Amino acid sequence: MTTEQQQQRRRKKRAYFAYGVFGAIAALFLVTTIFQWKGISININTEQPTAQANELNIGKEKEPVTQAVEKAGGAVVGISNIKQSSPMSQKSGTGSGVIYKKEDGKAYIVTNHHVVEGASQLEVILNDGTKIEAELEGSDPLTDLAVLKINDQHVKQVAELGKAEDVEVGQTAIAIGNPLGMEFAGSATKGIISGLNRNIPVDINKDGQQDWQTEVIQTDAAINPGNSGGALINLQGEVIGINTMKIAKNEVEGLGFSIPMDVAKPVIKDLETNGEVKRPYMGVSLQDVRQIPANILTDQLNLPPDVQHGVIVGGVKTGSPAAKAGLEQNDIITEIEGNKIESLVDLRQYLYKEAEKGQEVELTVYRNGEKIKSNLELSAQ
């Protein structure tokens, strides 16, 4: 290519660039004119973005759920229940727990009774994998709660316990635990609070009869085997419940349950202090009237046909409040303090939720067909 041809080519490039710049200016002018004609004003700022603008990057701030999990997650631990079946063999199950306190070189963990039940040895696995032998402080089958104690040398995080009274249906709920074992340790699932003040029947002694009704929070956050004893938290990272169970049926989805903190706190205190929950005590063995054949109720106990509720006294412990009140075998208790007793669960619910140790209560009793009143002073079991 000759020198003259090269110069002509450079002149053409400069012309194309000039046309391009002119076209861009013309297009900008045209767009501006149209916007102003439509009544829309625009500002063209050629300055560099300010530092403040640069700070508004989408995704830079962490999600509220992430922040809540970071606040509470380190306090959720694994619980290994080691059962010695023979001198040469052992097996273990895994659940979850929540570190709620550090004091005097010890850390305290709340979990479920069924997580630690029957253990020969208990081991706590922190979220960094550290394993620490644990001591069982106390356990309560009725509320399905237990408290463990460990050395706090490696404990870095303690959970903040919230209040169940602040919980509302529809608010975000996050379950943290170890579903299916430590392979999935620290898993978090999100849902909402689906219901409050639910009562779930519990068969404590596995005899097929309801012994108690556990008060729970209902959530649709996924709770799987291994999550038991873990934390249900709110968006502030506060523990509002201790996860305890789910309804596992093919036709059911999203029915998980957690023990509210307002129910758990007094139980935790009793277990930590006394190793058990001190409840009002009568000193009798009882059975639901509805479990007794009708002919025995009418022919042998002379219970009026119109009385279809209550609990029958199977035995009275010597020196107990019931013995001092004059209760006898085969007495049928139908009311306590004017409250109708349909079943043993009703009696326990009243004693453990409404009554207090040392309180005198009035019982309505049928004895050999005769309706009588009996005053009984409750003691602590």
Protein backbone atom coordinates (compact mmCIF):
# COMPACT_ATOMS: atom_id res chain seq x y z
CA MET A 1 0.00 0.00 0.00
CA THR A 2 1.40 3.43 -0.98
CA THR A 3 1.84 6.33 1.38
CA GLU A 4 -0.97 8.20 -0.34
CA GLN A 5 -3.37 5.26 0.11
CA GLN A 6 -2.53 5.06 3.82
CA GLN A 7 -3.26 8.75 4.30
CA GLN A 8 -6.63 8.41 2.52
CA ARG A 9 -7.54 5.49 4.82
CA ARG A 10 -6.70 7.54 7.96
CA ARG A 11 -8.82 10.45 6.65
CA LYS A 12 -11.80 8.08 6.17
CA LYS A 13 -11.47 6.73 9.75
CA ARG A 14 -11.46 10.27 11.15
CA ALA A 15 -14.58 11.07 9.13
CA TYR A 16 -16.38 7.95 10.39
CA PHE A 17 -15.49 8.82 14.00
CA ALA A 18 -16.77 12.39 13.50
CA TYR A 19 -20.03 11.11 12.02
CA GLY A 20 -20.40 8.71 14.98
CA VAL A 21 -19.90 11.45 17.56
CA PHE A 22 -22.28 13.72 15.71
CA GLY A 23 -24.89 10.93 15.55
CA ALA A 24 -24.63 10.29 19.29
CA ILE A 25 -25.05 13.99 20.06
CA ALA A 26 -28.02 14.19 17.71
CA ALA A 27 -29.65 11.13 19.31
CA LEU A 28 -29.15 12.56 22.81
CA PHE A 29 -30.63 15.88 21.67
CA LEU A 30 -33.61 14.09 20.14
CA VAL A 31 -34.30 12.01 23.27
CA THR A 32 -33.97 15.09 25.51
CA THR A 33 -36.37 17.06 23.29
CA ILE A 34 -38.96 14.26 23.38
CA PHE A 35 -38.75 13.88 27.18
CA GLN A 36 -39.13 17.63 27.67
CA TRP A 37 -42.03 17.73 25.20
CA LYS A 38 -43.71 15.03 27.28
CA GLY A 39 -43.14 17.03 30.46
CA ILE A 40 -40.33 14.82 31.75
CA SER A 41 -37.13 16.43 32.96
CA ILE A 42 -33.80 14.62 32.93
CA ASN A 43 -30.43 15.46 34.42
CA ILE A 44 -27.22 14.26 32.83
CA ASN A 45 -24.42 13.95 35.37
CA THR A 46 -20.99 13.18 34.00
CA GLU A 47 -19.32 13.23 37.42
CA GLN A 48 -17.85 10.06 38.93
CA PRO A 49 -20.09 8.08 41.38
CA THR A 50 -19.71 9.23 44.95
CA ALA A 51 -18.52 7.01 47.78
CA GLN A 52 -22.08 6.98 49.17
CA ALA A 53 -23.46 5.62 45.91
CA ASN A 54 -20.82 2.92 45.85
CA GLU A 55 -21.95 1.77 49.31
CA LEU A 56 -25.44 0.94 48.02
CA ASN A 57 -24.38 -2.26 46.30
CA ILE A 58 -27.20 -4.79 46.22
CA GLY A 59 -26.36 -7.87 48.29
CA LYS A 60 -23.66 -6.21 50.36
CA GLU A 61 -25.81 -6.24 53.53
CA LYS A 62 -26.64 -9.69 54.92
CA GLU A 63 -30.20 -10.97 54.86
CA PRO A 64 -32.09 -10.78 58.20
CA VAL A 65 -32.37 -14.58 58.28
CA THR A 66 -28.60 -14.91 57.80
CA GLN A 67 -27.93 -12.46 60.62
CA ALA A 68 -30.32 -14.31 62.94
CA VAL A 69 -28.69 -17.67 62.19
CA GLU A 70 -25.22 -16.21 62.78
CA LYS A 71 -26.34 -14.82 66.14
CA ALA A 72 -27.79 -18.11 67.42
CA GLY A 73 -26.19 -20.85 65.31
CA GLY A 74 -22.99 -21.20 67.29
CA ALA A 75 -24.98 -21.97 70.45
CA VAL A 76 -26.75 -24.96 68.84
CA VAL A 77 -24.85 -28.19 69.46
CA GLY A 78 -25.09 -31.90 68.75
CA ILE A 79 -25.98 -34.38 71.50
CA SER A 80 -24.70 -37.94 71.21
CA ASN A 81 -26.62 -40.50 73.32
CA ILE A 82 -24.33 -43.50 73.82
CA LYS A 83 -26.05 -46.67 75.04
CA GLN A 84 -24.00 -49.61 76.29
CA SER A 85 -25.92 -52.70 75.19
CA SER A 86 -23.17 -55.09 76.32
CA PRO A 87 -19.54 -54.92 77.51
CA MET A 88 -18.40 -55.31 73.91
CA SER A 89 -20.93 -53.24 72.00
CA GLN A 90 -22.60 -49.86 72.10
CA LYS A 91 -24.83 -47.77 69.91
CA SER A 92 -25.56 -44.09 69.82
CA GLY A 93 -28.24 -41.71 68.64
CA THR A 94 -27.86 -38.02 67.85
CA GLY A 95 -30.01 -35.02 68.67
CA SER A 96 -29.53 -31.31 69.18
CA GLY A 97 -29.24 -28.91 72.10
CA VAL A 98 -28.94 -25.20 72.89
CA ILE A 99 -26.27 -23.60 75.09
CA TYR A 100 -28.19 -21.09 77.20
CA LYS A 101 -25.73 -20.17 79.98
CA LYS A 102 -22.04 -20.00 80.97
CA GLU A 103 -21.19 -19.75 84.63
CA ASP A 104 -18.26 -20.66 86.91
CA GLY A 105 -16.39 -22.55 84.21
CA LYS A 106 -19.45 -24.54 83.12
CA ALA A 107 -21.85 -24.27 80.20
CA TYR A 108 -25.47 -25.39 80.42
CA ILE A 109 -27.42 -26.94 77.56
CA VAL A 110 -31.16 -27.54 77.18
CA THR A 111 -32.36 -30.40 75.00
CA ASN A 112 -35.22 -32.93 74.87
CA HIS A 113 -35.78 -35.67 77.43
CA HIS A 114 -36.19 -38.20 74.63
CA VAL A 115 -32.77 -37.22 73.22
CA VAL A 116 -30.95 -38.25 76.43
CA GLU A 117 -33.30 -40.99 77.66
CA GLY A 118 -31.56 -44.26 78.54
CA ALA A 119 -28.04 -42.94 77.92
CA SER A 120 -25.01 -44.67 79.43
CA GLN A 121 -22.90 -41.71 78.35
CA LEU A 122 -23.63 -38.29 76.85
CA GLU A 123 -21.40 -36.29 74.56
CA VAL A 124 -21.83 -32.74 73.28
CA ILE A 125 -20.46 -31.80 69.85
CA LEU A 126 -19.85 -28.07 69.41
CA ASN A 127 -20.34 -26.40 66.05
CA ASP A 128 -16.58 -26.47 65.41
CA GLY A 129 -16.56 -30.27 65.88
CA THR A 130 -15.12 -30.29 69.41
CA LYS A 131 -16.49 -33.20 71.47
CA ILE A 132 -17.02 -32.78 75.22
CA GLU A 133 -18.33 -35.33 77.73
CA ALA A 134 -21.57 -34.08 79.29
CA GLU A 135 -23.22 -34.55 82.66
CA LEU A 136 -27.00 -34.87 82.93
CA GLU A 137 -28.29 -32.31 85.42
CA GLY A 138 -31.91 -33.41 85.20
CA SER A 139 -34.67 -34.56 82.88
CA ASP A 140 -38.47 -34.18 82.78
CA PRO A 141 -40.61 -36.60 80.71
CA LEU A 142 -43.80 -34.52 80.98
CA THR A 143 -42.38 -31.49 79.19
CA ASP A 144 -39.76 -33.49 77.23
CA LEU A 145 -36.94 -31.27 78.48
CA ALA A 146 -33.50 -32.05 79.89
CA VAL A 147 -30.47 -30.02 81.02
CA LEU A 148 -26.82 -30.99 80.50
CA LYS A 149 -23.62 -29.47 81.87
CA ILE A 150 -20.18 -29.33 80.23
CA ASN A 151 -16.83 -27.61 80.74
CA ASP A 152 -17.04 -24.21 79.01
CA GLN A 153 -13.40 -24.06 77.85
CA HIS A 154 -14.28 -24.31 74.14
CA VAL A 155 -17.72 -22.65 74.29
CA LYS A 156 -17.73 -19.39 72.34
CA GLN A 157 -21.41 -18.59 71.92
CA VAL A 158 -24.45 -18.59 74.21
CA ALA A 159 -28.02 -18.28 72.95
CA GLU A 160 -30.32 -15.45 73.94
CA LEU A 161 -33.65 -16.79 75.21
CA GLY A 162 -36.73 -14.92 73.99
CA LYS A 163 -40.31 -14.73 75.22
CA ALA A 164 -43.09 -16.87 73.81
CA GLU A 165 -45.60 -14.15 74.68
CA ASP A 166 -44.05 -11.99 71.93
CA VAL A 167 -44.56 -14.69 69.28
CA GLU A 168 -47.28 -14.14 66.67
CA VAL A 169 -48.81 -16.36 64.00
CA GLY A 170 -47.28 -15.56 60.61
CA GLN A 171 -43.92 -14.29 61.83
CA THR A 172 -40.72 -15.82 60.48
CA ALA A 173 -39.42 -18.87 62.33
CA ILE A 174 -36.04 -20.54 61.80
CA ALA A 175 -35.21 -24.04 63.06
CA ILE A 176 -31.53 -24.84 63.69
CA GLY A 177 -30.25 -28.32 64.46
CA ASN A 178 -28.66 -31.50 63.18
CA PRO A 179 -31.14 -33.37 60.97
CA LEU A 180 -30.24 -37.03 60.45
CA GLY A 181 -27.07 -36.64 62.52
CA MET A 182 -23.87 -34.63 62.57
CA GLU A 183 -23.28 -34.98 58.82
CA PHE A 184 -25.78 -32.13 58.40
CA ALA A 185 -24.82 -30.27 61.60
CA GLY A 186 -26.01 -26.70 61.99
CA SER A 187 -28.70 -26.94 59.32
CA ALA A 188 -31.18 -24.05 59.24
CA THR A 189 -34.70 -24.22 57.82
CA LYS A 190 -37.08 -21.28 57.49
CA GLY A 191 -40.84 -21.03 57.76
CA ILE A 192 -43.44 -19.22 59.81
CA ILE A 193 -45.23 -19.65 63.11
CA SER A 194 -48.33 -21.60 62.09
CA GLY A 195 -50.15 -21.74 65.43
CA LEU A 196 -49.87 -20.99 69.14
CA ASN A 197 -51.08 -22.77 72.30
CA ARG A 198 -51.34 -26.16 70.63
CA ASN A 199 -51.68 -29.23 72.87
CA ILE A 200 -50.14 -32.50 71.73
CA PRO A 201 -51.10 -35.75 73.57
CA VAL A 202 -48.15 -37.63 75.06
CA ASP A 203 -47.93 -41.27 76.15
CA ILE A 204 -45.06 -41.20 78.63
CA ASN A 205 -45.06 -44.80 79.85
CA LYS A 206 -45.85 -46.28 76.40
CA ASP A 207 -49.01 -48.04 77.59
CA GLY A 208 -51.14 -46.72 74.76
CA GLN A 209 -52.92 -44.22 77.03
CA GLN A 210 -52.54 -40.45 76.98
CA ASP A 211 -50.64 -39.25 80.08
CA TRP A 212 -50.17 -35.58 79.34
CA GLN A 213 -50.74 -32.79 76.86
CA THR A 214 -47.60 -30.90 75.90
CA GLU A 215 -48.11 -27.22 75.12
CA VAL A 216 -46.29 -26.34 71.89
CA ILE A 217 -45.79 -23.79 69.13
CA GLN A 218 -46.65 -25.04 65.64
CA THR A 219 -44.35 -24.17 62.73
CA ASP A 220 -43.94 -25.19 59.10
CA ALA A 221 -40.14 -24.83 59.28
CA ALA A 222 -38.79 -28.29 58.51
CA ILE A 223 -38.02 -30.30 61.68
CA ASN A 224 -36.47 -33.70 61.00
CA PRO A 225 -35.05 -36.53 63.14
CA GLY A 226 -31.94 -35.11 64.81
CA ASN A 227 -33.45 -31.62 65.07
CA SER A 228 -34.99 -32.59 68.43
CA GLY A 229 -33.69 -30.34 71.19
CA GLY A 230 -32.49 -27.68 68.75
CA ALA A 231 -33.53 -24.04 68.57
CA LEU A 232 -36.51 -22.32 67.02
CA ILE A 233 -35.50 -18.68 66.64
CA ASN A 234 -37.00 -15.40 65.47
CA LEU A 235 -35.43 -12.79 63.17
CA GLN A 236 -33.72 -11.19 66.17
CA GLY A 237 -31.81 -14.43 66.74
CA GLU A 238 -33.65 -15.10 70.01
CA VAL A 239 -34.63 -18.66 70.92
CA ILE A 240 -38.43 -18.76 71.14
CA GLY A 241 -38.80 -22.54 71.39
CA ILE A 242 -37.03 -25.88 71.78
CA ASN A 243 -37.85 -28.14 68.83
CA THR A 244 -39.41 -31.39 69.97
CA MET A 245 -41.36 -33.26 67.31
CA LYS A 246 -43.10 -33.37 63.95
CA ILE A 247 -46.10 -35.25 62.64
CA ALA A 248 -44.68 -37.65 60.08
CA LYS A 249 -47.40 -39.02 57.81
CA ASN A 250 -47.59 -39.31 54.03
CA GLU A 251 -50.62 -37.01 53.91
CA VAL A 252 -49.10 -34.39 56.25
CA GLU A 253 -46.55 -31.70 55.44
CA GLY A 254 -45.18 -28.82 57.49
CA LEU A 255 -46.40 -29.80 60.97
CA GLY A 256 -43.50 -29.26 63.35
CA PHE A 257 -43.72 -28.43 67.04
CA SER A 258 -41.55 -26.57 69.52
CA ILE A 259 -41.80 -26.11 73.30
CA PRO A 260 -42.37 -22.38 73.99
CA MET A 261 -39.66 -20.68 76.05
CA ASP A 262 -42.21 -19.44 78.60
CA VAL A 263 -43.04 -23.10 79.29
CA ALA A 264 -39.41 -24.22 79.14
CA LYS A 265 -37.77 -21.57 81.36
CA PRO A 266 -39.22 -22.65 84.76
CA VAL A 267 -38.58 -26.30 83.91
CA ILE A 268 -34.97 -25.52 82.94
CA LYS A 269 -34.50 -23.69 86.26
CA ASP A 270 -35.87 -26.63 88.28
CA LEU A 271 -33.76 -29.17 86.40
CA GLU A 272 -30.61 -27.11 86.79
CA THR A 273 -31.26 -26.46 90.50
CA ASN A 274 -32.94 -29.65 91.73
CA GLY A 275 -32.35 -32.23 89.01
CA GLU A 276 -36.12 -32.63 88.68
CA VAL A 277 -39.30 -30.60 88.47
CA LYS A 278 -41.04 -30.14 91.81
CA ARG A 279 -44.78 -30.38 91.24
CA PRO A 280 -47.82 -30.51 93.53
CA TYR A 281 -48.27 -34.05 94.83
CA MET A 282 -51.33 -35.98 96.01
CA GLY A 283 -49.91 -39.47 96.67
CA VAL A 284 -52.37 -41.62 94.74
CA SER A 285 -52.34 -43.95 91.75
CA LEU A 286 -55.15 -43.11 89.35
CA GLN A 287 -56.96 -44.50 86.32
CA ASP A 288 -59.51 -42.96 83.97
CA VAL A 289 -63.10 -43.94 84.69
CA ARG A 290 -63.59 -44.45 80.94
CA GLN A 291 -61.10 -47.32 81.02
CA ILE A 292 -63.21 -49.26 83.55
CA PRO A 293 -65.97 -51.57 82.24
CA ALA A 294 -69.44 -50.07 82.75
CA ASN A 295 -70.74 -53.05 84.74
CA ILE A 296 -67.95 -52.66 87.31
CA LEU A 297 -68.69 -48.95 87.69
CA THR A 298 -72.38 -49.52 88.32
CA ASP A 299 -72.46 -52.93 90.05
CA GLN A 300 -69.33 -52.81 92.20
CA LEU A 301 -68.59 -49.11 92.66
CA ASN A 302 -72.23 -47.96 92.58
CA LEU A 303 -71.37 -44.96 90.44
CA PRO A 304 -74.57 -43.20 89.26
CA PRO A 305 -75.26 -43.92 85.57
CA ASP A 306 -75.23 -40.21 84.71
CA VAL A 307 -71.59 -39.85 85.92
CA GLN A 308 -69.37 -40.81 82.99
CA HIS A 309 -66.20 -38.91 83.87
CA GLY A 310 -63.50 -38.74 86.52
CA VAL A 311 -60.53 -40.75 87.79
CA ILE A 312 -60.62 -43.75 90.08
CA VAL A 313 -58.18 -44.10 92.98
CA GLY A 314 -56.24 -47.34 92.58
CA GLY A 315 -54.11 -46.89 95.69
CA VAL A 316 -53.18 -44.38 98.39
CA LYS A 317 -49.61 -43.95 99.63
CA THR A 318 -49.19 -44.09 103.39
CA GLY A 319 -48.56 -40.67 104.95
CA SER A 320 -49.31 -38.85 101.68
CA PRO A 321 -51.59 -35.80 101.32
CA ALA A 322 -54.29 -38.13 99.96
CA ALA A 323 -54.04 -40.40 103.02
CA LYS A 324 -54.24 -37.41 105.36
CA ALA A 325 -57.30 -36.16 103.46
CA GLY A 326 -59.01 -39.53 103.99
CA LEU A 327 -59.08 -40.68 100.36
CA GLU A 328 -59.59 -44.42 99.91
CA GLN A 329 -59.08 -47.02 97.20
CA ASN A 330 -61.93 -47.01 94.64
CA ASP A 331 -62.88 -43.39 95.38
CA ILE A 332 -63.78 -41.60 92.15
CA ILE A 333 -62.63 -37.97 91.83
CA THR A 334 -64.88 -35.96 89.50
CA GLU A 335 -63.96 -32.35 90.36
CA ILE A 336 -61.08 -30.33 91.80
CA GLU A 337 -61.81 -26.82 93.04
CA GLY A 338 -65.09 -26.93 91.09
CA ASN A 339 -63.31 -27.84 87.82
CA LYS A 340 -64.71 -30.91 86.10
CA ILE A 341 -62.21 -33.76 85.76
CA GLU A 342 -62.82 -35.70 82.56
CA SER A 343 -59.61 -37.72 82.75
CA LEU A 344 -56.23 -38.14 84.42
CA VAL A 345 -54.80 -35.62 81.96
CA ASP A 346 -57.28 -32.99 83.18
CA LEU A 347 -56.29 -33.61 86.80
CA ARG A 348 -52.58 -33.34 86.02
CA GLN A 349 -53.05 -30.23 83.90
CA TYR A 350 -54.82 -28.53 86.81
CA LEU A 351 -52.32 -29.67 89.44
CA TYR A 352 -49.23 -28.75 87.43
CA LYS A 353 -50.47 -25.51 85.87
CA GLU A 354 -53.03 -24.02 88.24
CA ALA A 355 -52.25 -25.36 91.71
CA GLU A 356 -49.27 -24.67 93.95
CA LYS A 357 -47.38 -26.67 96.54
CA GLY A 358 -48.92 -26.20 99.97
CA GLN A 359 -52.31 -25.17 98.55
CA GLU A 360 -55.45 -26.80 99.92
CA VAL A 361 -57.83 -27.98 97.23
CA GLU A 362 -61.39 -29.23 97.46
CA LEU A 363 -62.15 -32.54 95.74
CA THR A 364 -65.57 -33.82 94.73
CA VAL A 365 -65.54 -37.59 95.26
CA TYR A 366 -67.97 -40.49 94.77
CA ARG A 367 -67.50 -43.22 97.37
CA ASN A 368 -69.72 -46.30 97.05
CA GLY A 369 -72.23 -44.19 95.15
CA GLU A 370 -72.28 -41.33 97.66
CA LYS A 371 -71.11 -37.85 96.65
CA ILE A 372 -68.76 -36.29 99.24
CA LYS A 373 -66.28 -33.42 99.55
CA SER A 374 -62.66 -33.85 100.65
CA ASN A 375 -60.04 -31.15 101.37
CA LEU A 376 -56.48 -32.07 100.45
CA GLU A 377 -53.30 -30.07 101.09
CA LEU A 378 -50.85 -30.54 98.23
CA SER A 379 -47.20 -31.19 98.95
CA ALA A 380 -44.11 -31.16 96.75
CA GLN A 381 -43.12 -34.43 95.15
